[in-house]
C-alpha cells in the first residue's frame, strides 16, 4: 500500500513540475533570441525577461542558449558568481545535445558570450583567446553571421590593447566581407552591421590619433567613418548617439569648436529623449571642455557641474567626474577663487587615487590636450598653493560677516527695507509653489519694469484706441498665444511682436490690440513677465538652475544682457537673482 501511495505521489509531483516546462517551437525560440540580442546592450532587464522565458523550455538547446546569455547579463550587473554558475549550467545542457551542426553553432554562441563576459571584466587576453576558439567553430560550419561577430569583437580587443593598425585592417576586411555576404542578412540587419563596423573604424582611427597626435590625417579618416555610421544608423538610435558623440570629439580634436558644440548639443537632446544618462553626462563634460578651451569659463562651469550631478546618479561616469573636477580646479585657479580651486583639486586627488590605474589605462584626453605628464602633481600644486589662502579667506569672511552684522544693527531703516524685500520674495515663492498664480491676478503684484516702447508699438497703441475686432478672432489669437506659452517660445531672444504675429498668422496691429485688451499690458511687458516668471519657477523647482551665473540665466530666457535681466528681476522680486537663489 505504501508503495502504491509513493508511486502516486511521485506521479503527481512529476506532472506538477512538468507543467512549468514547455517545448518552445523553433520559431518561438528564434523570436526570443532576436529579442534578447536586440536589448542586450540597451536594456539588460528586458533581455533577462526574455532569457528567463526561454529557460522555461524543456529543450536542451534552448536551455543552453538561455543560460549562456544570462551568464553575460549577470556579469553586466556585476554578479560574477551568478555569471559563472549560469555558464556552467549552459555547458551542461550543451553536453546533453547530440552532435550536430546545431550543437556546434550553439557552442560558438556560448564562446561569444564567454568572450563578452571576460571583456566586461577587463580580461582582454582571455576574451581574445575565447573569440578565436569560437571563430574556428563558426568557420567550420560556415556560419557567416557568427563569423562577423567574432571578427568584429577581435578587432575591438586589438583596439583595446593599442593594436590600432591591425584593428583597422581587420575592420576594413570585415566591411568587405559583410558586403560580399549581404544575402544572409535582412535589410535592417545589414544596416546595423554596417553601422557598427563604421563606428568601430572611426573609433580605431581616433584612438590611433590619440597615441600619435602628429598624424592629423587620422582624424579625417575617423570623421569619415563616424559620418558613415550615422547615415547607417537612422533606425538605430544607440549607434546614432554614440557616433555623433564621437564625431563631436573629432571636431574637438580639430579645434573646430563650432561644429563640436553643435554636435554635442545634438547628443544632449538625443540622450535626454532616450534616457541615456551616461551619454548625457559625457556630452555635458565635453561641452564644458569646449568652453574651457575657448576661455568661456562661466559656461564651462555650468556644464561641468551638470556632469558632476549626472555622474552621481549613474555611478558609471566616474572618470568624467574626475576629469570635470580637474578642470573646475583649473578654472577657479584662473578666476582667483582659492577656496573653490582648493575644494575641486581635493576632490580630484581623492578620486584619482581610487581610479589611477583605470585612468592610466584609458589615457585621459586631457593628458594629450594639455601635454601634462602628471595631472596629480598639478593638482597637488594648486592644493598647496591655496591651503593658507583658504584659511585667511575664511577668516576674512567671518570678519566681514561680523562687521556686516554690526552695520545692520546701526541701520534700522536698511533692515526694514530688507525685511520688506524678503516678505515680497517669500510671497512669490509660496505663490509659485502652490501653483495658483493666474495671469489676470498678477496686477496685484509689483509691476514689471517699464519698457520704453519701440516706435512700432507707439503707433500700434495709437491705432488700438479706435480698433475693434470680433470676439471670435480675439479668442483665436489668445488661444494661439497660450499655445506658444506652453511650448515656452518666449525663451527665445527673437520673441518679438513681429515674430509672434508671423508665428500665429496675424498682423502686429491685431496682436498688440489683443494683448493690451486681454492682459492689460503692452506686448513687451507681457513677454518680459513670462521670462521672469519662468526664471522664478525654475529657481524654486530646480536646484541646478540656482547655481547658474546671472549671465547664463539671462541668456537662457532670451535677455540680451545680464544687466537688464538683473534689473527686471529685482523689480519683480525685490532682490537680485543671486540673493533669491541663496534664500531658497
Protein backbone atom coordinates (compact mmCIF):
# COMPACT_ATOMS: atom_id res chain seq x y z
CA UNK A 1 0.00 0.00 0.00
CA UNK A 2 2.83 2.38 0.91
CA UNK A 3 4.50 1.58 -2.41
CA UNK A 4 1.32 2.49 -4.31
CA UNK A 5 0.94 5.79 -2.39
CA UNK A 6 4.60 6.67 -3.04
CA UNK A 7 4.17 5.91 -6.74
CA UNK A 8 1.03 8.08 -6.95
CA UNK A 9 2.77 10.95 -5.11
CA UNK A 10 5.77 10.75 -7.45
CA UNK A 11 3.42 10.75 -10.44
CA UNK A 12 1.59 13.89 -9.18
CA UNK A 13 4.86 15.72 -8.48
CA UNK A 14 6.23 14.87 -11.91
CA UNK A 15 3.09 16.20 -13.55
CA UNK A 16 3.22 19.37 -11.43
CA UNK A 17 6.83 20.17 -12.40
CA UNK A 18 6.21 19.20 -16.00
CA UNK A 19 3.63 21.95 -16.21
CA UNK A 20 6.37 24.54 -15.66
CA UNK A 21 8.37 23.28 -18.62
CA UNK A 22 7.11 23.71 -22.16
CA UNK A 23 8.50 22.85 -25.55
CA UNK A 24 9.13 26.06 -27.49
CA UNK A 25 8.73 25.86 -31.23
CA UNK A 26 11.78 26.73 -33.33
CA UNK A 27 10.07 29.93 -34.42
CA UNK A 28 9.37 30.93 -30.79
CA UNK A 29 12.98 30.14 -29.87
CA UNK A 30 14.39 32.28 -32.71
CA UNK A 31 11.98 35.12 -31.88
CA UNK A 32 13.14 35.15 -28.26
CA UNK A 33 16.76 35.07 -29.47
CA UNK A 34 16.17 38.19 -31.55
CA UNK A 35 14.50 39.98 -28.62
CA UNK A 36 17.37 39.08 -26.28
CA UNK A 37 20.01 40.32 -28.74
CA UNK A 38 18.05 43.48 -29.54
CA UNK A 39 18.01 44.50 -25.86
CA UNK A 40 21.38 43.08 -24.87
CA UNK A 41 23.32 46.34 -24.63
CA UNK A 42 20.47 48.83 -24.21
CA UNK A 43 18.07 47.21 -21.75
CA UNK A 44 19.61 44.44 -19.66
CA UNK A 45 16.43 43.87 -17.64
CA UNK A 46 14.38 43.24 -20.78
CA UNK A 47 16.99 40.76 -22.03
CA UNK A 48 16.75 38.97 -18.68
CA UNK A 49 12.97 38.69 -19.01
CA UNK A 50 13.24 37.09 -22.48
CA UNK A 51 16.10 34.79 -21.39
CA UNK A 52 14.10 33.55 -18.39
CA UNK A 53 11.12 32.98 -20.68
CA UNK A 54 13.34 30.84 -22.91
CA UNK A 55 14.65 28.97 -19.84
CA UNK A 56 11.12 27.63 -19.22
CA UNK A 57 11.60 25.33 -22.21
CA UNK A 58 12.50 21.65 -21.76
CA UNK A 59 14.68 21.69 -24.90
CA UNK A 60 18.43 21.40 -24.12
CA UNK A 61 19.34 23.77 -26.96
CA UNK A 62 17.01 26.45 -25.63
CA UNK A 63 18.24 25.96 -22.07
CA UNK A 64 21.90 26.16 -23.12
CA UNK A 65 21.39 29.42 -25.00
CA UNK A 66 19.25 30.98 -22.23
CA UNK A 67 21.81 30.19 -19.51
CA UNK A 68 24.71 31.28 -21.74
CA UNK A 69 23.24 34.72 -22.36
CA UNK A 70 22.26 35.05 -18.67
CA UNK A 71 25.90 34.44 -17.71
CA UNK A 72 26.84 37.60 -19.65
CA UNK A 73 23.87 39.57 -18.32
CA UNK A 74 24.78 38.73 -14.72
CA UNK A 75 28.35 39.94 -15.37
CA UNK A 76 27.00 43.25 -16.72
CA UNK A 77 25.11 43.60 -13.45
CA UNK A 78 28.34 42.88 -11.54
CA UNK A 79 27.42 39.42 -10.22
CA UNK A 80 30.46 37.32 -11.17
CA UNK A 81 29.44 34.24 -9.11
CA UNK A 82 26.00 34.06 -10.75
CA UNK A 83 27.67 34.57 -14.12
CA UNK A 84 29.98 31.55 -13.60
CA UNK A 85 27.11 29.41 -12.35
CA UNK A 86 24.94 30.14 -15.37
CA UNK A 87 27.80 29.47 -17.80
CA UNK A 88 28.41 26.06 -16.18
CA UNK A 89 24.71 25.25 -16.50
CA UNK A 90 24.80 26.28 -20.16
CA UNK A 91 27.72 23.91 -20.84
CA UNK A 92 25.98 21.06 -19.02
CA UNK A 93 22.88 21.44 -21.21
CA UNK A 94 25.10 21.67 -24.30
CA UNK A 95 26.75 18.34 -23.46
CA UNK A 96 23.33 16.64 -23.35
CA UNK A 97 22.75 17.50 -27.02
CA UNK A 98 23.65 15.05 -29.75
CA UNK A 99 26.48 16.03 -32.09
CA UNK A 100 25.13 18.17 -34.93
CA UNK A 101 25.53 21.49 -36.71
CA UNK A 102 23.08 22.99 -34.19
CA UNK A 103 25.30 21.91 -31.32
CA UNK A 104 28.43 23.39 -32.94
CA UNK A 105 26.63 26.65 -33.68
CA UNK A 106 25.27 26.86 -30.13
CA UNK A 107 28.75 26.18 -28.75
CA UNK A 108 30.07 29.14 -30.78
CA UNK A 109 27.29 31.32 -29.28
CA UNK A 110 28.40 30.32 -25.78
CA UNK A 111 32.03 31.17 -26.61
CA UNK A 112 30.88 34.56 -27.84
CA UNK A 113 29.07 35.30 -24.56
CA UNK A 114 32.05 33.98 -22.60
CA UNK A 115 34.34 36.36 -24.54
CA UNK A 116 31.99 39.29 -23.89
CA UNK A 117 31.95 38.40 -20.19
CA UNK A 118 35.77 38.39 -20.00
CA UNK A 119 35.89 41.68 -21.94
CA UNK A 120 33.46 43.20 -19.43
CA UNK A 121 35.73 42.06 -16.57
CA UNK A 122 38.74 43.66 -18.31
CA UNK A 123 40.42 40.34 -19.16
CA UNK A 124 41.20 41.19 -22.78
CA UNK A 125 43.69 38.36 -23.37
CA UNK A 126 41.17 35.74 -22.18
CA UNK A 127 38.46 37.40 -24.27
CA UNK A 128 40.70 37.22 -27.36
CA UNK A 129 41.51 33.56 -26.81
CA UNK A 130 37.82 32.70 -26.36
CA UNK A 131 36.84 34.61 -29.52
CA UNK A 132 39.49 32.78 -31.55
CA UNK A 133 38.17 29.35 -30.47
CA UNK A 134 34.62 30.44 -31.27
CA UNK A 135 35.71 31.75 -34.68
CA UNK A 136 37.14 28.32 -35.60
CA UNK A 137 33.82 26.68 -34.71
CA UNK A 138 31.83 29.19 -36.79
CA UNK A 139 34.21 28.86 -39.73
CA UNK A 140 33.88 25.06 -39.64
CA UNK A 141 30.12 25.29 -40.21
CA UNK A 142 30.33 28.45 -42.39
CA UNK A 143 28.10 30.48 -40.05
CA UNK A 144 28.58 33.87 -41.73
CA UNK A 145 26.74 35.94 -39.12
CA UNK A 146 28.69 34.48 -36.23
CA UNK A 147 31.99 34.81 -38.11
CA UNK A 148 31.30 38.54 -38.50
CA UNK A 149 30.54 38.89 -34.77
CA UNK A 150 33.78 37.17 -33.73
CA UNK A 151 35.93 39.15 -36.18
CA UNK A 152 34.35 42.42 -35.01
CA UNK A 153 34.99 41.54 -31.36
CA UNK A 154 38.59 40.54 -32.09
CA UNK A 155 39.12 43.91 -33.80
CA UNK A 156 37.77 45.66 -30.68
CA UNK A 157 40.21 43.71 -28.49
CA UNK A 158 43.09 44.82 -30.75
CA UNK A 159 41.96 48.42 -30.42
CA UNK A 160 41.65 47.99 -26.66
CA UNK A 161 45.29 46.87 -26.32
CA UNK A 162 46.62 49.51 -28.73
CA UNK A 163 46.98 47.44 -31.93
CA UNK A 164 45.20 50.14 -33.93
CA UNK A 165 46.61 49.34 -37.37
CA UNK A 166 45.66 45.68 -37.01
CA UNK A 167 42.18 46.65 -35.77
CA UNK A 168 41.69 48.95 -38.78
CA UNK A 169 42.89 46.27 -41.19
CA UNK A 170 40.53 43.68 -39.65
CA UNK A 171 37.55 46.02 -39.72
CA UNK A 172 38.09 47.02 -43.36
CA UNK A 173 38.30 43.36 -44.31
CA UNK A 174 35.14 42.73 -42.30
CA UNK A 175 33.32 45.58 -44.07
CA UNK A 176 34.04 43.96 -47.46
CA UNK A 177 33.16 40.51 -46.10
CA UNK A 178 29.71 41.71 -44.97
CA UNK A 179 29.07 43.33 -48.37
CA UNK A 180 30.03 40.10 -50.15
CA UNK A 181 27.63 38.11 -47.97
CA UNK A 182 24.81 40.64 -47.68
CA UNK A 183 22.33 37.99 -48.90
CA UNK A 184 22.33 36.29 -45.48
CA UNK A 185 21.03 39.43 -43.76
CA UNK A 186 17.70 41.23 -43.71
CA UNK A 187 17.83 44.91 -44.67
CA UNK A 188 17.79 46.04 -41.03
CA UNK A 189 20.45 43.53 -40.02
CA UNK A 190 22.73 44.65 -42.84
CA UNK A 191 22.33 48.32 -41.90
CA UNK A 192 23.02 47.50 -38.27
CA UNK A 193 26.26 45.66 -39.09
CA UNK A 194 27.40 48.44 -41.45
CA UNK A 195 26.62 50.98 -38.74
CA UNK A 196 28.64 49.06 -36.13
CA UNK A 197 31.62 48.38 -38.37
CA UNK A 198 31.93 52.01 -39.46
CA UNK A 199 31.53 53.17 -35.86
CA UNK A 200 34.36 50.84 -34.79
CA UNK A 201 36.53 52.02 -37.70
CA UNK A 202 36.04 55.64 -36.64
CA UNK A 203 36.92 54.71 -33.07
CA UNK A 204 40.07 52.85 -34.14
CA UNK A 205 41.30 55.83 -36.21
CA UNK A 206 40.52 58.27 -33.39
CA UNK A 207 42.33 56.10 -30.80
CA UNK A 208 45.27 55.75 -33.20
CA UNK A 209 45.45 59.56 -33.44
CA UNK A 210 45.35 59.97 -29.64
CA UNK A 211 48.53 57.88 -29.42
CA UNK A 212 50.06 59.67 -32.45
CA UNK A 213 48.84 63.31 -32.29
CA UNK A 214 51.18 64.39 -35.09
CA UNK A 215 49.27 62.25 -37.61
CA UNK A 216 46.39 64.69 -38.14
CA UNK A 217 45.17 62.82 -41.22
CA UNK A 218 43.88 60.07 -38.91
CA UNK A 219 41.19 62.49 -37.71
CA UNK A 220 39.90 62.93 -41.26
CA UNK A 221 39.50 59.15 -41.53
CA UNK A 222 37.76 59.00 -38.15
CA UNK A 223 35.37 61.78 -39.21
CA UNK A 224 34.60 59.98 -42.49
CA UNK A 225 33.69 56.67 -40.80
CA UNK A 226 31.69 58.28 -37.98
CA UNK A 227 29.57 60.11 -40.57
CA UNK A 228 29.02 56.86 -42.46
CA UNK A 229 27.94 55.20 -39.23
CA UNK A 230 25.42 58.00 -38.58
CA UNK A 231 23.99 57.53 -42.10
CA UNK A 232 23.53 53.80 -41.49
CA UNK A 233 22.05 54.41 -38.02
CA UNK A 234 18.83 56.24 -38.85
CA UNK A 235 16.78 53.46 -37.22
CA UNK A 236 19.42 52.52 -34.60
CA UNK A 237 19.27 55.28 -32.02
CA UNK A 238 22.02 53.95 -29.74
CA UNK A 239 24.57 53.76 -32.55
CA UNK A 240 23.50 57.16 -33.83
CA UNK A 241 24.03 58.80 -30.43
CA UNK A 242 27.42 57.10 -29.93
CA UNK A 243 28.61 58.02 -33.44
CA UNK A 244 27.50 61.64 -33.00
CA UNK A 245 29.28 61.89 -29.66
CA UNK A 246 32.45 60.51 -31.25
CA UNK A 247 32.12 62.86 -34.24
CA UNK A 248 31.93 65.76 -31.80
CA UNK A 249 35.18 64.53 -30.25
CA UNK A 250 36.86 64.57 -33.68
CA UNK A 251 35.72 68.18 -34.25
CA UNK A 252 37.06 68.99 -30.80
CA UNK A 253 40.46 67.48 -31.61
CA UNK A 254 40.49 69.55 -34.80
CA UNK A 255 39.66 72.68 -32.74
CA UNK A 256 36.53 73.09 -34.85
CA UNK A 257 34.65 74.17 -31.74
CA UNK A 258 31.59 75.47 -33.56
CA UNK A 259 30.78 72.08 -35.13
CA UNK A 260 31.81 70.25 -31.96
CA UNK A 261 29.45 72.38 -29.87
CA UNK A 262 26.54 71.84 -32.29
CA UNK A 263 27.14 68.07 -32.37
CA UNK A 264 27.35 67.77 -28.58
CA UNK A 265 24.06 69.67 -28.20
CA UNK A 266 22.50 67.15 -30.63
CA UNK A 267 23.80 64.36 -28.39
CA UNK A 268 22.37 66.06 -25.28
CA UNK A 269 18.96 66.24 -26.97
CA UNK A 270 19.02 62.61 -28.20
CA UNK A 271 20.32 61.17 -24.91
CA UNK A 272 17.65 63.06 -22.95
CA UNK A 273 14.96 61.75 -25.31
CA UNK A 274 16.20 58.17 -24.89
CA UNK A 275 17.01 58.43 -21.16
CA UNK A 276 20.70 57.62 -21.69
CA UNK A 277 22.12 59.42 -18.68
CA UNK A 278 25.63 58.01 -19.10
CA UNK A 279 25.93 59.54 -22.59
CA UNK A 280 24.28 62.75 -21.34
CA UNK A 281 26.97 63.01 -18.67
CA UNK A 282 29.77 62.64 -21.25
CA UNK A 283 28.16 65.20 -23.60
CA UNK A 284 27.92 67.75 -20.77
CA UNK A 285 31.54 67.15 -19.85
CA UNK A 286 32.59 67.62 -23.48
CA UNK A 287 30.66 70.90 -23.72
CA UNK A 288 32.42 72.10 -20.57
CA UNK A 289 35.70 71.05 -22.17
CA UNK A 290 34.97 73.18 -25.27
CA UNK A 291 34.07 76.24 -23.22
CA UNK A 292 37.19 75.80 -21.10
CA UNK A 293 39.49 75.80 -24.13
CA UNK A 294 37.66 78.78 -25.63
CA UNK A 295 38.04 80.58 -22.27
CA UNK A 296 34.29 80.82 -21.61
CA UNK A 297 34.88 79.81 -18.03
CA UNK A 298 31.45 80.55 -16.55
CA UNK A 299 29.71 78.46 -19.24
CA UNK A 300 32.29 75.72 -18.79
CA UNK A 301 31.49 75.58 -15.06
CA UNK A 302 27.76 75.20 -15.78
CA UNK A 303 28.33 72.08 -17.89
CA UNK A 304 31.00 70.59 -15.62
CA UNK A 305 28.57 70.89 -12.70
CA UNK A 306 25.85 69.21 -14.79
CA UNK A 307 28.32 66.41 -15.49
CA UNK A 308 29.02 66.02 -11.75
CA UNK A 309 25.29 65.84 -10.91
CA UNK A 310 24.57 63.19 -13.55
CA UNK A 311 27.68 61.16 -12.59
CA UNK A 312 26.35 60.99 -9.01
CA UNK A 313 23.18 59.37 -10.39
CA UNK A 314 24.67 56.96 -12.94
CA UNK A 315 27.62 55.73 -10.84
CA UNK A 316 29.32 54.68 -14.11
CA UNK A 317 30.69 58.08 -15.19
CA UNK A 318 33.39 58.17 -12.54
CA UNK A 319 36.15 59.09 -14.96
CA UNK A 320 34.11 62.01 -16.33
CA UNK A 321 33.53 63.15 -12.74
CA UNK A 322 37.28 63.09 -12.01
CA UNK A 323 38.16 64.95 -15.22
CA UNK A 324 35.39 67.50 -14.58
CA UNK A 325 36.81 68.36 -11.16
CA UNK A 326 40.29 68.62 -12.64
CA UNK A 327 39.10 71.38 -14.97
CA UNK A 328 36.96 73.06 -12.32
CA UNK A 329 40.04 73.37 -10.11
CA UNK A 330 41.95 74.95 -13.01
CA UNK A 331 39.11 77.37 -13.79
CA UNK A 332 38.76 78.55 -10.19
CA UNK A 333 42.53 78.94 -10.09
CA UNK A 334 42.33 81.19 -13.18
CA UNK A 335 39.39 83.12 -11.69
CA UNK A 336 41.39 83.58 -8.47
CA UNK A 337 38.85 81.83 -6.26
CA UNK A 338 41.22 79.96 -3.95
CA UNK A 339 38.66 78.19 -1.76
CA UNK A 340 36.88 76.64 -4.73
CA UNK A 341 40.15 75.80 -6.51
CA UNK A 342 41.29 74.01 -3.36
CA UNK A 343 37.95 72.21 -2.99
CA UNK A 344 37.95 70.77 -6.53
CA UNK A 345 41.64 69.90 -6.56
CA UNK A 346 41.00 67.91 -3.35
CA UNK A 347 38.02 66.12 -4.98
CA UNK A 348 40.25 65.29 -7.94
CA UNK A 349 43.09 63.96 -5.78
CA UNK A 350 40.79 61.89 -3.53
CA UNK A 351 39.13 60.22 -6.50
CA UNK A 352 42.24 59.92 -8.65
CA UNK A 353 43.79 57.57 -6.10
CA UNK A 354 40.80 55.22 -6.47
CA UNK A 355 40.87 55.15 -10.26
CA UNK A 356 44.55 55.87 -11.01
CA UNK A 357 45.16 52.56 -12.71
CA UNK A 358 41.99 52.76 -14.78
CA UNK A 359 42.68 56.37 -15.74
CA UNK A 360 46.18 55.41 -16.84
CA UNK A 361 44.91 52.54 -18.99
CA UNK A 362 42.28 54.65 -20.70
CA UNK A 363 44.74 57.51 -21.30
CA UNK A 364 42.67 60.57 -20.44
CA UNK A 365 42.43 63.03 -23.30
CA UNK A 366 43.44 65.88 -21.02
CA UNK A 367 46.96 64.46 -20.91
CA UNK A 368 47.22 64.87 -24.66
CA UNK A 369 45.46 68.21 -24.95
CA UNK A 370 47.43 69.78 -22.14
CA UNK A 371 50.69 67.95 -22.63
CA UNK A 372 50.56 67.25 -18.91
CA UNK A 373 52.59 64.25 -17.85
CA UNK A 374 51.39 64.19 -14.28
CA UNK A 375 47.96 65.60 -13.55
CA UNK A 376 48.25 64.69 -9.89
CA UNK A 377 51.32 66.87 -9.45
CA UNK A 378 49.46 69.84 -10.92
CA UNK A 379 46.51 69.36 -8.57
CA UNK A 380 48.82 68.99 -5.55
CA UNK A 381 50.47 72.30 -6.53
CA UNK A 382 47.08 74.02 -6.60
CA UNK A 383 46.10 72.41 -3.30
CA UNK A 384 49.31 73.51 -1.53
CA UNK A 385 49.21 76.95 -3.10
CA UNK A 386 45.80 77.71 -1.65
CA UNK A 387 45.84 75.94 1.71
CA UNK A 388 46.96 79.08 3.57
CA UNK A 389 44.91 81.32 1.31
CA UNK A 390 41.80 79.33 2.20
CA UNK A 391 42.43 79.83 5.92
CA UNK A 392 42.80 83.60 5.56
CA UNK A 393 39.91 83.74 3.13
CA UNK A 394 37.66 82.05 5.70
CA UNK A 395 38.97 84.32 8.45
CA UNK A 396 38.19 87.41 6.38
CA UNK A 397 34.74 86.07 5.60
CA UNK A 398 34.00 85.71 9.31
CA UNK A 399 35.37 89.18 9.99
CA UNK A 400 33.29 90.79 7.26
CA UNK A 401 30.22 88.90 8.44
CA UNK A 402 30.64 90.29 11.96
CA UNK A 403 31.22 93.75 10.53
CA UNK A 404 28.09 93.38 8.42
CA UNK A 405 26.03 92.38 11.46
CA UNK A 406 27.27 95.46 13.34
CA UNK A 407 26.33 97.73 10.46
CA UNK A 408 22.90 96.12 10.19
CA UNK A 409 22.17 96.83 13.84
CA UNK A 410 23.04 100.50 13.27
CA UNK A 411 20.96 100.87 10.11
CA UNK A 412 17.37 100.20 11.20
CA UNK A 413 15.91 101.57 8.01
CA UNK A 414 18.04 99.20 5.97
CA UNK A 415 16.72 96.28 7.99
CA UNK A 416 13.15 97.30 7.35
CA UNK A 417 13.79 97.59 3.63
CA UNK A 418 15.36 94.15 3.52
CA UNK A 419 12.52 92.66 5.53
CA UNK A 420 10.03 94.09 3.10
CA UNK A 421 12.02 92.70 0.19
CA UNK A 422 12.16 89.26 1.77
CA UNK A 423 8.45 89.30 2.55
CA UNK A 424 7.79 90.18 -1.05
CA UNK A 425 10.13 87.41 -2.25
CA UNK A 426 8.71 84.78 0.12
CA UNK A 427 5.20 85.62 -1.00
CA UNK A 428 6.31 84.98 -4.58
CA UNK A 429 7.91 81.67 -3.63
CA UNK A 430 4.78 80.46 -1.86
CA UNK A 431 2.66 81.67 -4.74
CA UNK A 432 4.67 79.72 -7.30
CA UNK A 433 4.98 76.63 -5.09
CA UNK A 434 1.21 76.44 -4.67
CA UNK A 435 0.90 76.82 -8.46
CA UNK A 436 -2.10 79.10 -8.11
CA UNK A 437 -0.79 82.23 -9.81
CA UNK A 438 -3.06 83.32 -12.64
CA UNK A 439 -2.08 85.80 -15.27
CA UNK A 440 -5.01 88.09 -14.51
CA UNK A 441 -4.06 88.17 -10.77
CA UNK A 442 -0.55 89.49 -11.40
CA UNK A 443 -1.98 93.01 -11.44
CA UNK A 444 -1.90 92.96 -7.61
CA UNK A 445 1.80 92.11 -7.62
CA UNK A 446 4.63 94.64 -8.15
CA UNK A 447 4.76 95.81 -11.72
CA UNK A 448 7.45 94.68 -14.12
CA UNK A 449 10.00 97.21 -15.26
CA UNK A 450 8.64 99.83 -17.53
CA UNK A 451 9.77 99.24 -21.06
CA UNK A 452 10.42 102.05 -23.47
CA UNK A 453 8.05 101.21 -26.32
CA UNK A 454 9.56 100.92 -29.75
CA UNK A 455 8.26 103.31 -32.43
CA UNK A 456 6.22 100.47 -33.93
CA UNK A 457 4.48 99.79 -30.60
CA UNK A 458 3.74 103.51 -30.09
CA UNK A 459 1.99 103.60 -33.45
CA UNK A 460 0.14 100.40 -32.64
CA UNK A 461 -1.12 101.81 -29.34
CA UNK A 462 -2.48 104.87 -31.13
CA UNK A 463 -4.19 102.64 -33.69
CA UNK A 464 -5.57 100.42 -30.94
CA UNK A 465 -7.63 103.28 -29.48
CA UNK A 466 -10.12 103.06 -32.31
CA UNK A 467 -9.51 99.46 -33.32
CA UNK A 468 -12.17 96.81 -32.84
CA UNK A 469 -12.18 93.16 -33.91
CA UNK A 470 -14.74 90.45 -33.32
CA UNK A 471 -14.54 88.32 -30.18
CA UNK A 472 -14.01 85.03 -32.04
CA UNK A 473 -10.86 86.40 -33.68
CA UNK A 474 -9.64 87.71 -30.32
CA UNK A 475 -10.19 84.31 -28.71
CA UNK A 476 -8.30 82.61 -31.54
CA UNK A 477 -5.28 84.92 -31.08
CA UNK A 478 -5.31 84.37 -27.30
CA UNK A 479 -5.56 80.60 -27.82
CA UNK A 480 -2.51 80.62 -30.11
CA UNK A 481 -0.59 82.83 -27.67
CA UNK A 482 -1.28 80.38 -24.84
CA UNK A 483 -0.09 77.53 -27.07
CA UNK A 484 3.20 79.37 -27.64
CA UNK A 485 3.44 79.92 -23.87
CA UNK A 486 3.00 76.19 -23.21
CA UNK A 487 5.83 75.48 -25.68
CA UNK A 488 7.95 78.13 -23.90
CA UNK A 489 8.55 80.02 -27.14
CA UNK A 490 9.03 83.16 -25.02
CA UNK A 491 12.50 81.86 -24.02
CA UNK A 492 13.79 82.75 -27.50
CA UNK A 493 15.55 86.07 -27.88
CA UNK A 494 13.52 86.74 -31.06
CA UNK A 495 10.15 86.50 -29.23
CA UNK A 496 9.13 89.94 -30.51
CA UNK A 497 5.86 91.41 -31.69
CA UNK A 498 6.58 90.90 -35.45
CA UNK A 499 7.94 87.37 -34.84
CA UNK A 500 4.91 86.23 -32.81
CA UNK A 501 2.45 87.86 -35.19
CA UNK A 502 4.00 85.95 -38.07
CA UNK A 503 4.08 82.75 -35.98
CA UNK A 504 0.36 82.82 -35.19
CA UNK A 505 -0.57 84.15 -38.64
CA UNK A 506 -1.98 87.56 -37.72
CA UNK A 507 -0.69 91.11 -38.04
CA UNK A 508 1.13 93.16 -35.42
CA UNK A 509 -1.80 95.61 -35.03
CA UNK A 510 -4.26 92.89 -34.09
CA UNK A 511 -1.76 91.12 -31.83
CA UNK A 512 -0.86 94.31 -29.96
CA UNK A 513 -4.53 95.19 -29.58
CA UNK A 514 -5.46 91.77 -28.15
CA UNK A 515 -2.52 91.68 -25.69
CA UNK A 516 -3.42 95.19 -24.45
CA UNK A 517 -7.10 94.33 -24.13
CA UNK A 518 -6.85 90.84 -22.64
CA UNK A 519 -3.72 91.15 -20.49
CA UNK A 520 -3.73 94.86 -19.75
CA UNK A 521 -0.17 95.47 -20.87
CA UNK A 522 1.99 96.06 -23.91
CA UNK A 523 3.45 93.10 -25.77
CA UNK A 524 6.93 93.90 -24.43
CA UNK A 525 5.67 93.86 -20.83
CA UNK A 526 3.78 90.63 -21.49
CA UNK A 527 6.92 88.94 -22.94
CA UNK A 528 9.11 90.22 -20.10
CA UNK A 529 6.70 88.91 -17.48
CA UNK A 530 6.71 85.40 -18.96
CA UNK A 531 10.51 85.28 -18.91
CA UNK A 532 10.83 86.46 -15.29
CA UNK A 533 8.08 84.10 -14.09
CA UNK A 534 9.85 81.21 -15.83
CA UNK A 535 13.14 82.05 -14.04
CA UNK A 536 11.39 82.27 -10.64
CA UNK A 537 9.70 78.91 -11.19
CA UNK A 538 12.96 77.24 -12.32
CA UNK A 539 14.86 78.63 -9.32
CA UNK A 540 12.24 77.24 -6.94
CA UNK A 541 11.97 73.78 -8.53
CA UNK A 542 15.45 73.17 -10.00
CA UNK A 543 18.42 73.29 -7.61
CA UNK A 544 20.91 73.16 -10.51
CA UNK A 545 19.36 76.24 -12.12
CA UNK A 546 20.05 78.26 -8.96
CA UNK A 547 23.77 77.60 -9.41
CA UNK A 548 23.94 79.25 -12.85
CA UNK A 549 25.53 82.66 -13.24
CA UNK A 550 23.30 85.69 -13.82
CA UNK A 551 24.63 85.89 -17.39
CA UNK A 552 23.80 82.23 -18.07
CA UNK A 553 20.26 82.62 -16.69
CA UNK A 554 19.72 85.80 -18.69
CA UNK A 555 20.77 84.05 -21.90
CA UNK A 556 18.60 81.03 -21.12
CA UNK A 557 15.44 83.18 -21.24
CA UNK A 558 16.41 85.38 -24.15
CA UNK A 559 17.65 88.58 -22.43
CA UNK A 560 20.35 90.34 -24.38
CA UNK A 561 22.49 91.09 -21.34
CA UNK A 562 22.73 90.29 -17.63
CA UNK A 563 22.29 93.92 -16.50
CA UNK A 564 18.79 94.39 -17.97
CA UNK A 565 17.77 90.95 -16.72
CA UNK A 566 19.01 91.62 -13.16
CA UNK A 567 17.21 94.97 -13.11
CA UNK A 568 13.94 93.37 -14.26
CA UNK A 569 14.31 90.53 -11.78
CA UNK A 570 14.94 92.88 -8.84
CA UNK A 571 11.85 94.94 -9.66
CA UNK A 572 9.78 91.77 -9.78
CA UNK A 573 11.08 90.14 -6.58
CA UNK A 574 12.78 92.91 -4.60
CA UNK A 575 16.15 91.12 -4.59
CA UNK A 576 18.88 90.15 -7.04
CA UNK A 577 18.85 86.71 -8.76
CA UNK A 578 21.75 85.54 -6.56
CA UNK A 579 20.01 86.66 -3.34
CA UNK A 580 16.80 84.96 -4.44
CA UNK A 581 18.65 81.69 -5.16
CA UNK A 582 20.51 81.78 -1.82
CA UNK A 583 17.32 82.43 0.14
CA UNK A 584 15.63 79.40 -1.43
